[in-house]
Amino acid sequence: MLRKIFDWFIQLFHREKLYKYEFADDIPDKTSPYTVYLIGNQGYYWQAVMICPCGCRKLLHMNLMDDYDPYWNYILDGKVISLAPSINRLVGCKSHFFVTNGKIEWC
């Protein structure tokens, strides 16, 4: 409940940055916040990588291959991305969130 109030307050006074996407053959040496990297080639992407939005700066890796569990689906809409299902980090910061239309939605 407190998290929802905090998120609402931040959105009220601070314009939220949207997560965009970039295609890459491999994980970049230097990653940027607010960017989801789709790793692969020739239109086939097997991994999504992003910096955790909580601020811990850990790199999160999401499998995009439906042959292995768990896996995530992605939707590209203009310059923004959506990932499903939610990203639930079970160690470290324990962040749990969705990326929907470029926005982080905390669970």
N, C-alpha and C. Protein backbone atom coordinates (compact mmCIF):
# COMPACT_ATOMS: atom_id res chain seq x y z
N MET A 1 0.82 -1.20 0.00
CA MET A 1 0.00 0.00 0.00
C MET A 1 0.86 1.26 0.00
N LEU A 2 1.89 1.24 0.86
CA LEU A 2 2.79 2.39 0.92
C LEU A 2 3.51 2.61 -0.40
N ARG A 3 3.89 1.50 -1.05
CA ARG A 3 4.59 1.58 -2.34
C ARG A 3 3.69 2.25 -3.38
N LYS A 4 2.40 1.91 -3.40
CA LYS A 4 1.48 2.50 -4.36
C LYS A 4 1.31 3.99 -4.12
N ILE A 5 1.25 4.40 -2.87
CA ILE A 5 1.13 5.82 -2.54
C ILE A 5 2.40 6.55 -2.98
N PHE A 6 3.55 5.95 -2.70
CA PHE A 6 4.82 6.54 -3.09
C PHE A 6 4.91 6.68 -4.61
N ASP A 7 4.56 5.62 -5.35
CA ASP A 7 4.58 5.67 -6.82
C ASP A 7 3.65 6.75 -7.34
N TRP A 8 2.46 6.88 -6.75
CA TRP A 8 1.51 7.91 -7.18
C TRP A 8 2.09 9.29 -6.95
N PHE A 9 2.72 9.51 -5.79
CA PHE A 9 3.30 10.80 -5.45
C PHE A 9 4.42 11.16 -6.43
N ILE A 10 5.28 10.19 -6.73
CA ILE A 10 6.37 10.42 -7.67
C ILE A 10 5.82 10.79 -9.05
N GLN A 11 4.81 10.08 -9.52
CA GLN A 11 4.22 10.36 -10.82
C GLN A 11 3.56 11.73 -10.86
N LEU A 12 3.05 12.17 -9.74
CA LEU A 12 2.39 13.46 -9.67
C LEU A 12 3.37 14.60 -9.90
N PHE A 13 4.58 14.48 -9.32
CA PHE A 13 5.54 15.57 -9.38
C PHE A 13 6.75 15.32 -10.26
N HIS A 14 6.85 14.16 -10.82
CA HIS A 14 8.03 13.82 -11.60
C HIS A 14 7.60 13.07 -12.86
N ARG A 15 8.02 13.58 -13.99
CA ARG A 15 7.67 12.91 -15.23
C ARG A 15 8.47 11.60 -15.34
N GLU A 16 7.74 10.52 -15.47
CA GLU A 16 8.35 9.19 -15.51
C GLU A 16 9.01 8.96 -16.87
N LYS A 17 10.24 8.44 -16.84
CA LYS A 17 10.92 8.07 -18.07
C LYS A 17 10.39 6.73 -18.54
N LEU A 18 10.29 6.57 -19.84
CA LEU A 18 9.80 5.32 -20.41
C LEU A 18 10.98 4.43 -20.80
N TYR A 19 10.78 3.12 -20.64
CA TYR A 19 11.79 2.16 -21.06
C TYR A 19 11.69 1.95 -22.55
N LYS A 20 12.80 2.17 -23.22
CA LYS A 20 12.90 1.92 -24.66
C LYS A 20 13.63 0.59 -24.85
N TYR A 21 13.82 0.19 -26.08
CA TYR A 21 14.53 -1.06 -26.36
C TYR A 21 15.60 -0.81 -27.39
N GLU A 22 16.61 -1.66 -27.35
CA GLU A 22 17.68 -1.66 -28.34
C GLU A 22 18.00 -3.11 -28.69
N PHE A 23 18.32 -3.34 -29.95
CA PHE A 23 18.75 -4.66 -30.40
C PHE A 23 20.27 -4.74 -30.30
N ALA A 24 20.78 -5.90 -29.88
CA ALA A 24 22.23 -6.09 -29.76
C ALA A 24 22.57 -7.55 -30.03
N ASP A 25 23.76 -7.76 -30.57
CA ASP A 25 24.24 -9.12 -30.80
C ASP A 25 24.70 -9.78 -29.51
N ASP A 26 25.13 -8.96 -28.56
CA ASP A 26 25.62 -9.46 -27.27
C ASP A 26 25.32 -8.40 -26.21
N ILE A 27 25.44 -8.78 -24.95
CA ILE A 27 25.19 -7.84 -23.86
C ILE A 27 26.24 -6.73 -23.93
N PRO A 28 25.80 -5.48 -24.00
CA PRO A 28 26.77 -4.38 -24.08
C PRO A 28 27.65 -4.30 -22.83
N ASP A 29 28.89 -3.84 -23.01
CA ASP A 29 29.79 -3.65 -21.88
C ASP A 29 29.26 -2.57 -20.95
N LYS A 30 28.65 -1.55 -21.53
CA LYS A 30 28.07 -0.47 -20.74
C LYS A 30 26.57 -0.41 -21.05
N THR A 31 25.76 -0.65 -20.04
CA THR A 31 24.31 -0.63 -20.22
C THR A 31 23.74 0.69 -19.70
N SER A 32 22.65 1.12 -20.28
CA SER A 32 22.02 2.37 -19.90
C SER A 32 20.73 2.11 -19.14
N PRO A 33 20.43 2.96 -18.17
CA PRO A 33 19.13 2.83 -17.49
C PRO A 33 18.02 3.15 -18.48
N TYR A 34 16.84 2.67 -18.22
CA TYR A 34 15.65 2.88 -19.05
C TYR A 34 15.80 2.27 -20.43
N THR A 35 16.64 1.24 -20.54
CA THR A 35 16.81 0.53 -21.81
C THR A 35 16.73 -0.96 -21.56
N VAL A 36 15.91 -1.64 -22.38
CA VAL A 36 15.87 -3.11 -22.38
C VAL A 36 16.59 -3.54 -23.64
N TYR A 37 17.64 -4.33 -23.48
CA TYR A 37 18.42 -4.81 -24.62
C TYR A 37 17.88 -6.17 -25.04
N LEU A 38 17.53 -6.30 -26.30
CA LEU A 38 17.09 -7.57 -26.86
C LEU A 38 18.30 -8.19 -27.54
N ILE A 39 18.78 -9.29 -26.97
CA ILE A 39 20.03 -9.92 -27.40
C ILE A 39 19.71 -11.03 -28.39
N GLY A 40 20.35 -10.97 -29.55
CA GLY A 40 20.14 -11.99 -30.58
C GLY A 40 20.66 -11.49 -31.91
N ASN A 41 20.17 -12.11 -32.98
CA ASN A 41 20.55 -11.64 -34.31
C ASN A 41 19.56 -12.13 -35.35
N GLN A 42 19.54 -11.45 -36.47
CA GLN A 42 18.70 -11.78 -37.62
C GLN A 42 17.23 -11.93 -37.24
N GLY A 43 16.75 -11.06 -36.35
CA GLY A 43 15.34 -11.08 -35.99
C GLY A 43 14.95 -12.12 -34.95
N TYR A 44 15.90 -12.90 -34.47
CA TYR A 44 15.63 -13.90 -33.44
C TYR A 44 16.34 -13.47 -32.17
N TYR A 45 15.57 -13.23 -31.12
CA TYR A 45 16.14 -12.73 -29.87
C TYR A 45 15.89 -13.74 -28.76
N TRP A 46 16.92 -14.07 -28.02
CA TRP A 46 16.82 -15.12 -27.01
C TRP A 46 16.93 -14.59 -25.58
N GLN A 47 17.26 -13.31 -25.41
CA GLN A 47 17.41 -12.80 -24.06
C GLN A 47 17.11 -11.31 -24.03
N ALA A 48 16.45 -10.88 -22.95
CA ALA A 48 16.25 -9.46 -22.68
C ALA A 48 17.07 -9.13 -21.44
N VAL A 49 17.77 -8.00 -21.48
CA VAL A 49 18.65 -7.59 -20.38
C VAL A 49 18.35 -6.13 -20.05
N MET A 50 18.26 -5.85 -18.74
CA MET A 50 18.02 -4.48 -18.30
C MET A 50 18.61 -4.28 -16.91
N ILE A 51 18.83 -3.02 -16.55
CA ILE A 51 19.26 -2.68 -15.19
C ILE A 51 18.02 -2.67 -14.31
N CYS A 52 18.12 -3.26 -13.13
CA CYS A 52 16.99 -3.30 -12.21
C CYS A 52 16.50 -1.88 -11.92
N PRO A 53 15.20 -1.63 -12.03
CA PRO A 53 14.67 -0.27 -11.84
C PRO A 53 14.62 0.19 -10.39
N CYS A 54 14.93 -0.68 -9.43
CA CYS A 54 14.85 -0.28 -8.01
C CYS A 54 16.00 0.63 -7.61
N GLY A 55 17.06 0.62 -8.39
CA GLY A 55 18.22 1.44 -8.05
C GLY A 55 19.43 0.63 -7.60
N CYS A 56 19.28 -0.69 -7.46
CA CYS A 56 20.40 -1.53 -7.01
C CYS A 56 21.46 -1.70 -8.11
N ARG A 57 21.11 -1.35 -9.36
CA ARG A 57 22.01 -1.38 -10.53
C ARG A 57 22.41 -2.79 -10.97
N LYS A 58 21.75 -3.83 -10.47
CA LYS A 58 22.03 -5.20 -10.91
C LYS A 58 21.47 -5.39 -12.31
N LEU A 59 22.15 -6.21 -13.10
CA LEU A 59 21.69 -6.53 -14.43
C LEU A 59 20.73 -7.71 -14.37
N LEU A 60 19.55 -7.53 -14.94
CA LEU A 60 18.53 -8.59 -14.95
C LEU A 60 18.51 -9.23 -16.33
N HIS A 61 18.40 -10.56 -16.36
CA HIS A 61 18.39 -11.33 -17.60
C HIS A 61 17.07 -12.09 -17.68
N MET A 62 16.31 -11.90 -18.76
CA MET A 62 15.06 -12.61 -18.97
C MET A 62 15.17 -13.45 -20.23
N ASN A 63 14.89 -14.73 -20.10
CA ASN A 63 14.91 -15.67 -21.21
C ASN A 63 13.73 -15.40 -22.14
N LEU A 64 13.98 -15.33 -23.45
CA LEU A 64 12.91 -15.12 -24.43
C LEU A 64 12.60 -16.38 -25.24
N MET A 65 13.30 -17.49 -24.96
CA MET A 65 13.10 -18.72 -25.72
C MET A 65 12.02 -19.56 -25.04
N ASP A 66 10.96 -19.86 -25.78
CA ASP A 66 9.84 -20.60 -25.17
C ASP A 66 10.14 -22.08 -24.95
N ASP A 67 11.33 -22.54 -25.36
CA ASP A 67 11.74 -23.93 -25.10
C ASP A 67 12.17 -24.13 -23.65
N TYR A 68 12.47 -23.04 -22.94
CA TYR A 68 12.99 -23.11 -21.58
C TYR A 68 12.11 -22.29 -20.64
N ASP A 69 11.94 -22.78 -19.42
CA ASP A 69 11.15 -22.06 -18.42
C ASP A 69 12.07 -21.46 -17.38
N PRO A 70 11.75 -20.32 -16.83
CA PRO A 70 10.67 -19.44 -17.29
C PRO A 70 11.11 -18.67 -18.53
N TYR A 71 10.14 -18.16 -19.25
CA TYR A 71 10.44 -17.31 -20.40
C TYR A 71 9.46 -16.15 -20.44
N TRP A 72 9.90 -15.08 -21.07
CA TRP A 72 9.11 -13.86 -21.18
C TRP A 72 8.76 -13.59 -22.63
N ASN A 73 7.61 -12.99 -22.84
CA ASN A 73 7.21 -12.47 -24.14
C ASN A 73 7.46 -10.98 -24.15
N TYR A 74 7.71 -10.45 -25.31
CA TYR A 74 7.89 -9.00 -25.42
C TYR A 74 7.01 -8.45 -26.54
N ILE A 75 6.60 -7.22 -26.35
CA ILE A 75 5.82 -6.49 -27.36
C ILE A 75 6.51 -5.16 -27.58
N LEU A 76 6.80 -4.85 -28.82
CA LEU A 76 7.41 -3.58 -29.18
C LEU A 76 6.32 -2.68 -29.74
N ASP A 77 6.19 -1.50 -29.17
CA ASP A 77 5.16 -0.56 -29.59
C ASP A 77 5.80 0.80 -29.79
N GLY A 78 6.10 1.11 -31.04
CA GLY A 78 6.82 2.35 -31.29
C GLY A 78 8.21 2.24 -30.71
N LYS A 79 8.52 3.12 -29.78
CA LYS A 79 9.85 3.12 -29.17
C LYS A 79 9.88 2.45 -27.80
N VAL A 80 8.73 1.97 -27.31
CA VAL A 80 8.68 1.39 -25.97
C VAL A 80 8.46 -0.12 -26.03
N ILE A 81 8.66 -0.77 -24.89
CA ILE A 81 8.58 -2.22 -24.81
C ILE A 81 7.68 -2.64 -23.64
N SER A 82 7.06 -3.80 -23.78
CA SER A 82 6.34 -4.46 -22.69
C SER A 82 6.91 -5.87 -22.56
N LEU A 83 7.03 -6.34 -21.31
CA LEU A 83 7.48 -7.69 -21.03
C LEU A 83 6.45 -8.39 -20.16
N ALA A 84 6.19 -9.65 -20.43
CA ALA A 84 5.25 -10.43 -19.62
C ALA A 84 5.79 -11.84 -19.53
N PRO A 85 5.63 -12.49 -18.40
CA PRO A 85 4.94 -12.07 -17.18
C PRO A 85 5.79 -11.08 -16.39
N SER A 86 5.42 -10.87 -15.13
CA SER A 86 6.16 -9.94 -14.28
C SER A 86 7.58 -10.44 -14.06
N ILE A 87 8.45 -9.51 -13.69
CA ILE A 87 9.83 -9.83 -13.33
C ILE A 87 9.88 -9.83 -11.81
N ASN A 88 10.22 -10.97 -11.25
CA ASN A 88 10.20 -11.15 -9.80
C ASN A 88 11.59 -11.59 -9.36
N ARG A 89 12.35 -10.67 -8.81
CA ARG A 89 13.71 -10.97 -8.36
C ARG A 89 13.64 -11.58 -6.96
N LEU A 90 14.09 -12.81 -6.84
CA LEU A 90 13.96 -13.55 -5.58
C LEU A 90 15.15 -13.35 -4.64
N VAL A 91 16.21 -12.71 -5.11
CA VAL A 91 17.39 -12.45 -4.29
C VAL A 91 17.70 -10.95 -4.32
N GLY A 92 18.63 -10.55 -3.50
CA GLY A 92 19.05 -9.15 -3.51
C GLY A 92 17.92 -8.21 -3.12
N CYS A 93 17.58 -7.30 -4.01
CA CYS A 93 16.57 -6.27 -3.72
C CYS A 93 15.15 -6.81 -3.68
N LYS A 94 14.93 -8.00 -4.24
CA LYS A 94 13.62 -8.65 -4.27
C LYS A 94 12.54 -7.82 -4.98
N SER A 95 12.95 -7.08 -6.00
CA SER A 95 12.00 -6.29 -6.79
C SER A 95 11.02 -7.21 -7.50
N HIS A 96 9.80 -6.74 -7.66
CA HIS A 96 8.76 -7.46 -8.39
C HIS A 96 7.97 -6.42 -9.16
N PHE A 97 7.97 -6.54 -10.49
CA PHE A 97 7.37 -5.50 -11.32
C PHE A 97 7.03 -6.02 -12.71
N PHE A 98 6.20 -5.28 -13.40
CA PHE A 98 5.91 -5.47 -14.82
C PHE A 98 6.55 -4.33 -15.59
N VAL A 99 6.90 -4.58 -16.85
CA VAL A 99 7.24 -3.51 -17.78
C VAL A 99 6.09 -3.49 -18.78
N THR A 100 5.30 -2.42 -18.74
CA THR A 100 4.10 -2.30 -19.58
C THR A 100 4.13 -0.97 -20.31
N ASN A 101 4.15 -1.02 -21.62
CA ASN A 101 4.20 0.20 -22.44
C ASN A 101 5.32 1.14 -21.98
N GLY A 102 6.46 0.56 -21.66
CA GLY A 102 7.61 1.34 -21.27
C GLY A 102 7.62 1.81 -19.83
N LYS A 103 6.59 1.51 -19.07
CA LYS A 103 6.49 1.95 -17.68
C LYS A 103 6.69 0.77 -16.73
N ILE A 104 7.28 1.06 -15.57
CA ILE A 104 7.42 0.06 -14.52
C ILE A 104 6.16 0.11 -13.67
N GLU A 105 5.54 -1.05 -13.49
CA GLU A 105 4.38 -1.19 -12.61
C GLU A 105 4.77 -2.14 -11.48
N TRP A 106 4.95 -1.59 -10.27
CA TRP A 106 5.39 -2.38 -9.13
C TRP A 106 4.27 -3.26 -8.62
N CYS A 107 4.65 -4.46 -8.21
CA CYS A 107 3.69 -5.41 -7.63
C CYS A 107 3.74 -5.35 -6.13
